[in-house]
Amino acid sequence: MQLSLTTFSFPLPLLATATEAADSSMVLAAVLLSLVSIYLASKVGGELSNRIGLPPVLGELVAGVVVGVSGLHLLVFPEGGADSSSSLIMSFLQTTAGLNPDAVDAVFAAQSEVLTILSELGVIVLLFEIGLESNIKDLMAVGIQATVVACVGVVLPFAAGTAGLMALFGISTVPAIFAGAALTATSIGITSKVLSELGRLNSKEGQIILGAAVIDDVLGIIILAVVASLAKEGTVDLGKVVYLLISATSFLIGSIVLGKVFSKTFVAIAKKLKTRGELVIPAFTFSYMMAYLAAVIQLEAILGSFAAGLVLDETDERVQLQKQVTPIADLLVPIFFVTVGARTDLGVLNPAIPANREGLVMAIFLITVAIIGKVATGLSVFGIPQVNRLAIGVGMIPRGEVGLVFLGIGSSTGVLSKPLEAAIIMMVILTTFLAPPLLRFVFPEPDETATDTEKLVFDGSGSNSLVEKRD
């Protein structure tokens, strides 16, 4: 399983598998029960997470862990070593729907394939949505300080994490690079919320953090495209790395430049269409075509969908398009996050088993590098008197949904071992949990007057955030 060109040729092979090797009605029943489990888990987890002031996406991840291989075994996948006998859904179908025991394995394989494809479509839609919310003009205007902070926040944890995993734990090059890349991510949603509550969103520190996070998003997507392509090859070729970096950067820049022309054409076409979906269907057609083109030049499909979002963000129909994309993302994106959690076997971190202790130490190492690597970014701020450098570094700590995208794609390519997967997921969870109390500690005095004029508006996926000014 991988997000590549093959992602876009799934219908015929998938349907052939379902009809020839398994009873299609049973496959459909298994998929429907799986989606019921996913949606219930995502809503319960998301609501509980939101009530304690954390991003809903983190709750979706934890809920996935609960219903997956580490918990209830409602969602298990053959790639993780599970078989049909460990799936509660398969057992339920045998008991209630008369599923033939001889057909269980075929139904289980087909169900897993369908969920895998839906999960991959979910992450493509997620990156399209993030692109729509990443304003290019804001990206160009964040200033040199935010650019420096972002670059340091990418390079430092990536280098320390990759080198440390290889030197201390003997991890091979490609998995170490992938895990190191996961450390580069920054999710700004939770930081923005805390800064708003403290009345610091428009402070020098707040603006540098927000600007650096925007650049982090773009750099992170480029790095993800490169390391995911390396994972498919299985080896590190310096020439290949250079090619991928140049290709990914050129693809994004070229898309943005050409998008200046296309955006006007897109609006003109949308205005001529009068039937249902006149705006959102052309938008997704463009997104999927861009994803296809990215895959053709050996990049990740998600880079193309992200670029499509950046392009369409420049259109006059941006606000209306975001509203129409949101419910589609609400249906598909939770499948990605819940299945990421469901695939993660946290049992490999159980310290009671001697063989698992290295994985636990690895998790502690990644968490340490993740925190120190971002806190150190505050030291890169220069030329601004009386700025709280520690606060800037702390604001860059949470990984959130961006780190989960790295984890999900790393898991799907099979490049990550179970202990390394579990270590990364613990890093994402703990950095996101730690950020709010640490920010309140480094900003101990709230500004009551500022909090009355700022309202934070979050999108449903917990990805980016907007600050709405009120008179």
Protein backbone atom coordinates (compact mmCIF):
# COMPACT_ATOMS: atom_id res chain seq x y z
CA MET A 1 0.00 0.00 0.00
CA GLN A 2 1.36 3.38 -0.92
CA LEU A 3 0.27 6.78 -2.10
CA SER A 4 1.54 6.56 -5.63
CA LEU A 5 0.41 6.25 -9.20
CA THR A 6 -1.14 2.88 -8.40
CA THR A 7 -3.54 4.60 -6.00
CA PHE A 8 -5.47 5.92 -8.98
CA SER A 9 -6.05 2.57 -10.68
CA PHE A 10 -7.90 0.85 -7.84
CA PRO A 11 -11.51 0.36 -8.98
CA LEU A 12 -11.20 -2.52 -11.47
CA PRO A 13 -8.66 -4.69 -9.57
CA LEU A 14 -10.49 -4.04 -6.34
CA LEU A 15 -13.89 -4.99 -7.72
CA ALA A 16 -12.40 -8.04 -9.41
CA THR A 17 -10.93 -9.16 -6.10
CA ALA A 18 -14.22 -8.59 -4.31
CA THR A 19 -16.37 -10.46 -6.80
CA GLU A 20 -14.06 -13.32 -7.75
CA ALA A 21 -12.44 -14.17 -4.43
CA ALA A 22 -15.17 -13.14 -2.00
CA ASP A 23 -18.90 -12.62 -1.76
CA SER A 24 -19.35 -8.95 -2.71
CA SER A 25 -22.35 -8.54 -0.39
CA MET A 26 -20.24 -9.75 2.56
CA VAL A 27 -17.40 -7.43 1.57
CA LEU A 28 -19.85 -4.53 1.50
CA ALA A 29 -21.26 -5.55 4.89
CA ALA A 30 -17.75 -5.74 6.37
CA VAL A 31 -16.82 -2.31 4.99
CA LEU A 32 -20.05 -0.78 6.29
CA LEU A 33 -19.47 -2.19 9.78
CA SER A 34 -15.89 -0.92 9.65
CA LEU A 35 -17.08 2.57 8.72
CA VAL A 36 -19.61 2.49 11.57
CA SER A 37 -16.75 1.66 13.95
CA ILE A 38 -14.52 4.36 12.45
CA TYR A 39 -17.12 7.12 12.58
CA LEU A 40 -18.28 6.29 16.11
CA ALA A 41 -14.68 6.13 17.32
CA SER A 42 -13.73 9.39 15.59
CA LYS A 43 -16.68 11.31 17.03
CA VAL A 44 -16.33 10.00 20.57
CA GLY A 45 -12.56 10.53 20.55
CA GLY A 46 -12.80 13.92 18.86
CA GLU A 47 -15.46 15.22 21.24
CA LEU A 48 -13.59 14.08 24.35
CA SER A 49 -10.35 15.61 23.05
CA ASN A 50 -12.07 18.89 22.22
CA ARG A 51 -13.60 19.11 25.71
CA ILE A 52 -10.20 19.03 27.35
CA GLY A 53 -8.85 21.69 24.99
CA LEU A 54 -6.92 19.49 22.55
CA PRO A 55 -7.30 19.08 18.77
CA PRO A 56 -10.09 16.65 17.81
CA VAL A 57 -7.69 14.87 15.48
CA LEU A 58 -5.67 13.71 18.49
CA GLY A 59 -8.80 12.14 19.93
CA GLU A 60 -9.46 10.41 16.61
CA LEU A 61 -5.97 8.93 16.72
CA VAL A 62 -6.36 7.64 20.28
CA ALA A 63 -9.81 6.28 19.44
CA GLY A 64 -8.20 4.42 16.54
CA VAL A 65 -5.74 2.86 18.95
CA VAL A 66 -8.64 1.75 21.14
CA VAL A 67 -10.59 0.04 18.33
CA GLY A 68 -7.48 -1.31 16.58
CA VAL A 69 -4.83 -3.92 17.11
CA SER A 70 -3.83 -2.44 20.49
CA GLY A 71 -7.38 -2.55 21.85
CA LEU A 72 -10.73 -3.98 20.76
CA HIS A 73 -9.62 -5.54 17.45
CA LEU A 74 -12.57 -4.07 15.56
CA LEU A 75 -10.16 -2.74 12.93
CA VAL A 76 -7.17 -4.93 12.11
CA PHE A 77 -5.19 -5.21 8.90
CA PRO A 78 -3.24 -8.08 7.31
CA GLU A 79 -0.21 -5.81 6.67
CA GLY A 80 0.30 -5.63 10.42
CA GLY A 81 0.41 -9.40 10.73
CA ALA A 82 -3.24 -9.86 11.77
CA ASP A 83 -5.51 -12.49 10.24
CA SER A 84 -9.26 -12.83 9.91
CA SER A 85 -9.56 -14.78 13.17
CA SER A 86 -8.43 -11.70 15.14
CA SER A 87 -11.07 -9.41 13.60
CA LEU A 88 -14.21 -8.91 15.69
CA ILE A 89 -16.05 -7.70 12.60
CA MET A 90 -15.37 -10.98 10.81
CA SER A 91 -16.56 -12.92 13.86
CA PHE A 92 -19.69 -10.77 14.03
CA LEU A 93 -20.47 -11.42 10.36
CA GLN A 94 -20.09 -15.14 10.85
CA THR A 95 -22.49 -15.04 13.80
CA THR A 96 -25.13 -12.67 12.46
CA ALA A 97 -24.91 -12.74 8.66
CA GLY A 98 -23.97 -16.35 8.01
CA LEU A 99 -20.54 -15.64 6.56
CA ASN A 100 -19.06 -18.93 5.39
CA PRO A 101 -15.89 -19.76 7.39
CA ASP A 102 -14.17 -20.77 4.15
CA ALA A 103 -14.75 -17.29 2.73
CA VAL A 104 -13.64 -15.31 5.79
CA ASP A 105 -10.04 -14.79 4.65
CA ALA A 106 -11.07 -13.48 1.23
CA VAL A 107 -13.66 -11.11 2.71
CA PHE A 108 -11.15 -9.88 5.29
CA ALA A 109 -8.54 -9.15 2.59
CA ALA A 110 -11.05 -7.31 0.38
CA GLN A 111 -12.39 -5.28 3.32
CA SER A 112 -8.86 -4.24 4.29
CA GLU A 113 -8.11 -3.18 0.72
CA VAL A 114 -11.20 -0.99 0.52
CA LEU A 115 -10.42 0.70 3.86
CA THR A 116 -6.83 1.24 2.75
CA ILE A 117 -7.96 3.04 -0.40
CA LEU A 118 -10.50 5.14 1.49
CA SER A 119 -7.76 6.07 3.96
CA GLU A 120 -5.45 7.14 1.13
CA LEU A 121 -8.21 9.24 -0.42
CA GLY A 122 -8.72 10.77 3.02
CA VAL A 123 -5.14 12.00 3.26
CA ILE A 124 -5.29 13.37 -0.30
CA VAL A 125 -8.41 15.35 0.63
CA LEU A 126 -6.75 16.47 3.88
CA LEU A 127 -3.74 17.90 2.03
CA PHE A 128 -6.05 19.60 -0.48
CA GLU A 129 -7.91 21.21 2.42
CA ILE A 130 -4.67 22.32 4.08
CA GLY A 131 -3.56 23.84 0.78
CA LEU A 132 -6.83 25.77 0.54
CA GLU A 133 -6.19 27.20 4.01
CA SER A 134 -2.53 28.14 3.38
CA ASN A 135 -2.67 31.62 1.91
CA ILE A 136 0.24 32.26 -0.48
CA LYS A 137 0.26 35.98 0.26
CA ASP A 138 0.59 35.29 3.98
CA LEU A 139 3.39 32.85 3.18
CA MET A 140 5.28 35.55 1.27
CA ALA A 141 4.77 38.13 4.02
CA VAL A 142 5.84 36.26 7.16
CA GLY A 143 9.30 37.81 7.16
CA ILE A 144 12.87 36.68 7.59
CA GLN A 145 12.51 35.89 11.30
CA ALA A 146 9.75 33.35 10.75
CA THR A 147 11.65 31.86 7.82
CA VAL A 148 14.78 31.34 9.90
CA VAL A 149 12.79 29.82 12.79
CA ALA A 150 11.03 27.45 10.39
CA CYS A 151 14.24 26.34 8.70
CA VAL A 152 16.03 25.73 12.01
CA GLY A 153 12.96 23.90 13.30
CA VAL A 154 13.12 21.57 10.32
CA VAL A 155 16.86 20.97 10.03
CA LEU A 156 17.75 20.53 13.71
CA PRO A 157 15.27 17.80 14.75
CA PHE A 158 15.63 16.04 11.40
CA ALA A 159 19.43 15.82 11.64
CA ALA A 160 19.46 14.92 15.35
CA GLY A 161 16.68 12.35 15.03
CA THR A 162 18.07 10.62 11.95
CA ALA A 163 21.66 10.50 13.21
CA GLY A 164 20.59 9.40 16.69
CA LEU A 165 18.42 6.54 15.45
CA MET A 166 21.20 5.25 13.23
CA ALA A 167 24.02 5.64 15.79
CA LEU A 168 22.22 4.66 19.01
CA PHE A 169 19.70 2.09 17.82
CA GLY A 170 21.21 0.73 14.62
CA ILE A 171 18.17 1.72 12.55
CA SER A 172 18.86 1.48 8.83
CA THR A 173 19.13 4.65 6.76
CA VAL A 174 15.70 4.90 5.11
CA PRO A 175 13.57 4.23 8.24
CA ALA A 176 15.80 6.60 10.24
CA ILE A 177 15.35 9.32 7.62
CA PHE A 178 11.57 8.81 7.66
CA ALA A 179 11.38 9.00 11.45
CA GLY A 180 13.66 12.04 11.45
CA ALA A 181 11.40 13.70 8.89
CA ALA A 182 8.37 13.09 11.14
CA LEU A 183 10.14 15.19 13.79
CA THR A 184 10.17 18.24 11.49
CA ALA A 185 6.40 18.76 11.49
CA THR A 186 4.64 21.56 13.37
CA SER A 187 0.90 21.73 13.96
CA ILE A 188 -0.11 25.25 14.87
CA GLY A 189 -3.78 24.72 15.77
CA ILE A 190 -3.29 24.03 19.47
CA THR A 191 -0.61 26.70 19.86
CA SER A 192 -2.87 29.31 18.25
CA LYS A 193 -5.67 28.45 20.67
CA VAL A 194 -3.48 28.85 23.74
CA LEU A 195 -1.91 32.07 22.44
CA SER A 196 -5.38 33.48 21.83
CA GLU A 197 -6.50 32.57 25.36
CA LEU A 198 -3.41 34.29 26.76
CA GLY A 199 -3.90 37.37 24.59
CA ARG A 200 -0.53 36.79 22.91
CA LEU A 201 -1.63 35.90 19.39
CA ASN A 202 -0.69 39.33 18.01
CA SER A 203 2.49 39.64 20.05
CA LYS A 204 5.92 39.51 18.40
CA GLU A 205 6.29 35.94 19.58
CA GLY A 206 2.84 34.93 18.35
CA GLN A 207 3.36 36.35 14.88
CA ILE A 208 6.76 34.66 14.49
CA ILE A 209 5.30 31.32 15.60
CA LEU A 210 2.34 31.57 13.22
CA GLY A 211 4.53 32.61 10.28
CA ALA A 212 7.08 29.87 10.95
CA ALA A 213 4.31 27.27 11.14
CA VAL A 214 3.01 28.29 7.72
CA ILE A 215 6.48 27.79 6.21
CA ASP A 216 6.85 24.56 8.19
CA ASP A 217 3.75 23.21 6.45
CA VAL A 218 5.25 23.77 3.01
CA LEU A 219 8.71 22.48 3.92
CA GLY A 220 7.13 19.48 5.62
CA ILE A 221 5.13 18.51 2.52
CA ILE A 222 8.27 18.74 0.35
CA ILE A 223 10.26 16.60 2.81
CA LEU A 224 7.41 14.09 3.00
CA ALA A 225 7.33 13.75 -0.78
CA VAL A 226 11.07 13.10 -0.83
CA VAL A 227 11.29 10.59 2.02
CA ALA A 228 8.18 8.68 0.90
CA SER A 229 9.75 8.25 -2.53
CA LEU A 230 12.97 7.05 -0.90
CA ALA A 231 10.95 4.55 1.13
CA LYS A 232 9.60 3.02 -2.08
CA GLU A 233 13.13 2.62 -3.46
CA GLY A 234 14.44 1.15 -0.20
CA THR A 235 17.85 2.80 -0.58
CA VAL A 236 19.30 6.29 -0.41
CA ASP A 237 20.81 7.55 -3.65
CA LEU A 238 22.24 11.07 -3.37
CA GLY A 239 21.41 11.80 -6.99
CA LYS A 240 17.84 10.60 -6.41
CA VAL A 241 17.52 12.80 -3.31
CA VAL A 242 18.69 15.88 -5.21
CA TYR A 243 16.30 15.06 -8.07
CA LEU A 244 13.36 14.67 -5.69
CA LEU A 245 14.13 17.88 -3.81
CA ILE A 246 14.42 19.87 -7.03
CA SER A 247 11.33 18.19 -8.49
CA ALA A 248 9.19 18.75 -5.40
CA THR A 249 10.23 22.39 -5.03
CA SER A 250 9.85 23.10 -8.74
CA PHE A 251 6.48 21.37 -8.80
CA LEU A 252 5.13 23.55 -6.00
CA ILE A 253 6.58 26.80 -7.36
CA GLY A 254 5.48 25.98 -10.89
CA SER A 255 1.99 25.13 -9.71
CA ILE A 256 1.71 28.42 -7.88
CA VAL A 257 2.98 30.44 -10.85
CA LEU A 258 0.72 28.69 -13.37
CA GLY A 259 -2.10 28.89 -10.87
CA LYS A 260 -2.23 32.66 -11.28
CA VAL A 261 -3.53 32.02 -14.80
CA PHE A 262 -5.56 28.91 -14.05
CA SER A 263 -7.41 30.42 -11.10
CA LYS A 264 -9.19 32.88 -13.42
CA THR A 265 -10.07 30.08 -15.83
CA PHE A 266 -11.40 27.97 -12.96
CA VAL A 267 -13.73 30.73 -11.77
CA ALA A 268 -14.96 31.34 -15.34
CA ILE A 269 -15.73 27.63 -15.82
CA ALA A 270 -17.45 27.34 -12.44
CA LYS A 271 -19.71 30.31 -13.23
CA LYS A 272 -20.87 28.70 -16.47
CA LEU A 273 -21.88 25.44 -14.77
CA LYS A 274 -25.42 25.37 -13.43
CA THR A 275 -25.90 21.81 -12.18
CA ARG A 276 -25.23 20.42 -8.74
CA GLY A 277 -21.56 20.46 -7.68
CA GLU A 278 -20.65 23.23 -10.11
CA LEU A 279 -17.80 24.39 -7.86
CA VAL A 280 -16.63 21.42 -5.82
CA ILE A 281 -16.52 18.82 -8.63
CA PRO A 282 -14.21 20.89 -10.90
CA ALA A 283 -12.08 21.61 -7.80
CA PHE A 284 -11.64 17.92 -6.96
CA THR A 285 -11.08 17.09 -10.62
CA PHE A 286 -8.20 19.57 -10.62
CA SER A 287 -6.91 18.24 -7.28
CA TYR A 288 -6.88 14.62 -8.45
CA MET A 289 -5.24 15.57 -11.75
CA MET A 290 -2.50 17.43 -9.89
CA ALA A 291 -2.07 14.42 -7.60
CA TYR A 292 -1.76 12.21 -10.67
CA LEU A 293 0.87 14.48 -12.24
CA ALA A 294 2.88 14.47 -9.01
CA ALA A 295 2.80 10.68 -8.98
CA VAL A 296 3.90 10.52 -12.63
CA ILE A 297 7.11 12.44 -11.86
CA GLN A 298 7.85 10.10 -8.92
CA LEU A 299 6.62 12.44 -6.20
CA GLU A 300 3.78 11.78 -3.76
CA ALA A 301 0.16 12.25 -4.82
CA ILE A 302 -0.41 14.35 -1.69
CA LEU A 303 2.08 16.96 -2.96
CA GLY A 304 -0.12 17.44 -6.02
CA SER A 305 -3.30 17.80 -3.98
CA PHE A 306 -1.57 20.29 -1.65
CA ALA A 307 -0.40 22.32 -4.66
CA ALA A 308 -3.95 22.26 -6.06
CA GLY A 309 -5.22 23.69 -2.78
CA LEU A 310 -2.62 26.48 -2.88
CA VAL A 311 -3.65 27.36 -6.43
CA LEU A 312 -7.39 27.43 -5.74
CA ASP A 313 -6.82 29.44 -2.56
CA GLU A 314 -6.09 32.36 -4.90
CA THR A 315 -9.52 32.26 -6.57
CA ASP A 316 -12.45 34.53 -5.81
CA GLU A 317 -14.48 31.45 -4.88
CA ARG A 318 -12.06 30.36 -2.13
CA VAL A 319 -14.38 30.87 0.83
CA GLN A 320 -17.32 29.10 -0.84
CA LEU A 321 -15.04 26.28 -1.96
CA GLN A 322 -13.69 25.75 1.56
CA LYS A 323 -17.25 25.43 2.85
CA GLN A 324 -18.07 22.79 0.24
CA VAL A 325 -14.85 20.82 0.75
CA THR A 326 -15.30 20.64 4.53
CA PRO A 327 -18.15 18.05 4.62
CA ILE A 328 -16.29 15.84 2.15
CA ALA A 329 -13.20 16.03 4.37
CA ASP A 330 -15.40 15.30 7.39
CA LEU A 331 -16.33 11.97 5.80
CA LEU A 332 -12.93 10.85 4.49
CA VAL A 333 -10.26 12.37 6.75
CA PRO A 334 -11.37 10.56 9.96
CA ILE A 335 -10.90 7.26 8.13
CA PHE A 336 -7.24 8.13 7.68
CA PHE A 337 -6.59 9.18 11.28
CA VAL A 338 -8.55 6.35 12.90
CA THR A 339 -6.87 3.70 10.72
CA VAL A 340 -3.45 5.17 11.55
CA GLY A 341 -4.22 4.61 15.22
CA ALA A 342 -5.79 1.20 14.56
CA ARG A 343 -2.67 -0.07 12.79
CA THR A 344 -0.36 0.97 15.65
CA ASP A 345 0.56 -1.80 18.06
CA LEU A 346 1.45 -0.07 21.33
CA GLY A 347 2.11 -3.47 22.87
CA VAL A 348 5.63 -3.28 21.45
CA LEU A 349 6.37 -0.59 24.07
CA ASN A 350 5.41 -2.79 27.03
CA PRO A 351 8.47 -2.58 29.35
CA ALA A 352 7.54 -5.85 31.08
CA ILE A 353 8.77 -7.67 27.97
CA PRO A 354 12.57 -7.35 27.73
CA ALA A 355 12.54 -7.38 23.92
CA ASN A 356 10.30 -4.29 23.92
CA ARG A 357 12.49 -2.08 26.07
CA GLU A 358 14.54 -0.81 23.15
CA GLY A 359 11.33 0.46 21.51
CA LEU A 360 10.41 2.30 24.70
CA VAL A 361 13.87 3.88 24.90
CA MET A 362 13.51 4.82 21.24
CA ALA A 363 10.22 6.57 22.02
CA ILE A 364 11.84 8.51 24.86
CA PHE A 365 14.67 9.51 22.53
CA LEU A 366 12.29 10.77 19.83
CA ILE A 367 10.21 12.72 22.35
CA THR A 368 13.36 14.36 23.74
CA VAL A 369 14.66 15.32 20.30
CA ALA A 370 11.20 16.53 19.27
CA ILE A 371 11.01 18.92 22.23
CA ILE A 372 14.62 20.13 22.34
CA GLY A 373 14.82 20.46 18.55
CA LYS A 374 11.90 22.88 18.47
CA VAL A 375 12.67 24.77 21.70
CA ALA A 376 16.12 25.54 20.27
CA THR A 377 14.52 27.36 17.34
CA GLY A 378 13.85 30.31 19.63
CA LEU A 379 17.60 30.90 19.84
CA SER A 380 17.66 31.60 16.10
CA VAL A 381 15.60 34.80 16.51
CA PHE A 382 17.83 37.85 16.12
CA GLY A 383 17.55 41.63 16.04
CA ILE A 384 14.35 41.86 18.09
CA PRO A 385 14.77 43.29 21.61
CA GLN A 386 12.87 41.86 24.58
CA VAL A 387 11.43 38.92 22.66
CA ASN A 388 10.55 35.73 24.55
CA ARG A 389 12.70 33.21 22.65
CA LEU A 390 11.69 30.33 24.90
CA ALA A 391 8.02 30.94 24.11
CA ILE A 392 8.73 30.88 20.38
CA GLY A 393 10.49 27.53 20.70
CA VAL A 394 7.75 26.04 22.88
CA GLY A 395 5.10 27.22 20.43
CA MET A 396 6.69 25.09 17.71
CA ILE A 397 6.60 21.83 19.74
CA PRO A 398 3.20 20.24 18.92
CA ARG A 399 3.17 17.86 15.94
CA GLY A 400 -0.56 17.14 15.75
CA GLU A 401 -2.10 16.07 12.44
CA VAL A 402 0.99 16.91 10.38
CA GLY A 403 3.05 14.37 12.30
CA LEU A 404 0.26 11.83 11.84
CA VAL A 405 0.39 12.27 8.06
CA PHE A 406 4.08 11.33 8.19
CA LEU A 407 3.29 8.34 10.39
CA GLY A 408 0.40 7.17 8.22
CA ILE A 409 2.39 7.24 5.00
CA GLY A 410 5.41 5.66 6.66
CA SER A 411 3.19 2.87 7.92
CA SER A 412 1.55 2.40 4.53
CA THR A 413 4.87 2.05 2.71
CA GLY A 414 6.02 -0.60 5.21
CA VAL A 415 9.29 1.20 5.87
CA LEU A 416 8.72 1.57 9.62
CA SER A 417 9.07 -1.28 12.09
CA LYS A 418 6.37 -1.73 14.74
CA PRO A 419 8.55 -0.32 17.57
CA LEU A 420 9.46 2.71 15.44
CA GLU A 421 5.81 3.29 14.48
CA ALA A 422 4.77 3.12 18.13
CA ALA A 423 7.63 5.46 19.13
CA ILE A 424 6.54 8.05 16.55
CA ILE A 425 2.89 7.91 17.62
CA MET A 426 3.92 8.41 21.27
CA MET A 427 6.04 11.39 20.18
CA VAL A 428 3.08 12.96 18.35
CA ILE A 429 0.69 12.43 21.28
CA LEU A 430 3.02 13.68 24.02
CA THR A 431 4.29 16.76 22.16
CA THR A 432 0.69 17.78 21.48
CA PHE A 433 -0.34 17.21 25.10
CA LEU A 434 2.69 19.03 26.53
CA ALA A 435 2.47 22.19 24.43
CA PRO A 436 -0.51 23.91 26.19
CA PRO A 437 0.81 23.74 29.79
CA LEU A 438 4.33 24.65 28.67
CA LEU A 439 3.03 27.69 26.76
CA ARG A 440 1.06 28.84 29.78
CA PHE A 441 4.22 28.45 31.88
CA VAL A 442 6.41 30.58 29.57
CA PHE A 443 3.58 33.14 29.19
CA PRO A 444 2.48 33.38 32.84
CA GLU A 445 0.63 36.69 32.68
CA PRO A 446 -2.49 36.75 30.43
CA ASP A 447 -3.44 40.02 28.76
CA GLU A 448 -7.15 40.28 29.56
CA THR A 449 -7.87 43.15 27.14
CA ALA A 450 -6.50 41.30 24.14
CA THR A 451 -8.48 38.13 24.70
CA ASP A 452 -11.76 40.02 24.30
CA THR A 453 -10.92 41.00 20.72
CA GLU A 454 -9.70 37.71 19.39
CA LYS A 455 -11.70 34.65 18.50
CA LEU A 456 -10.14 31.49 17.19
CA VAL A 457 -11.98 29.63 14.48
CA PHE A 458 -10.94 26.04 13.80
CA ASP A 459 -11.77 23.94 10.81
CA GLY A 460 -13.18 20.45 11.32
CA SER A 461 -9.94 18.57 10.67
CA GLY A 462 -7.92 20.45 13.27
CA SER A 463 -5.31 21.33 10.68
CA ASN A 464 -4.99 25.10 10.37
CA SER A 465 -6.60 27.97 12.22
CA LEU A 466 -7.71 31.49 11.46
CA VAL A 467 -7.90 34.52 13.71
CA GLU A 468 -11.04 36.55 13.22
CA LYS A 469 -10.90 40.21 14.30
CA ARG A 470 -13.92 41.71 16.03
CA ASP A 471 -14.68 45.32 16.67
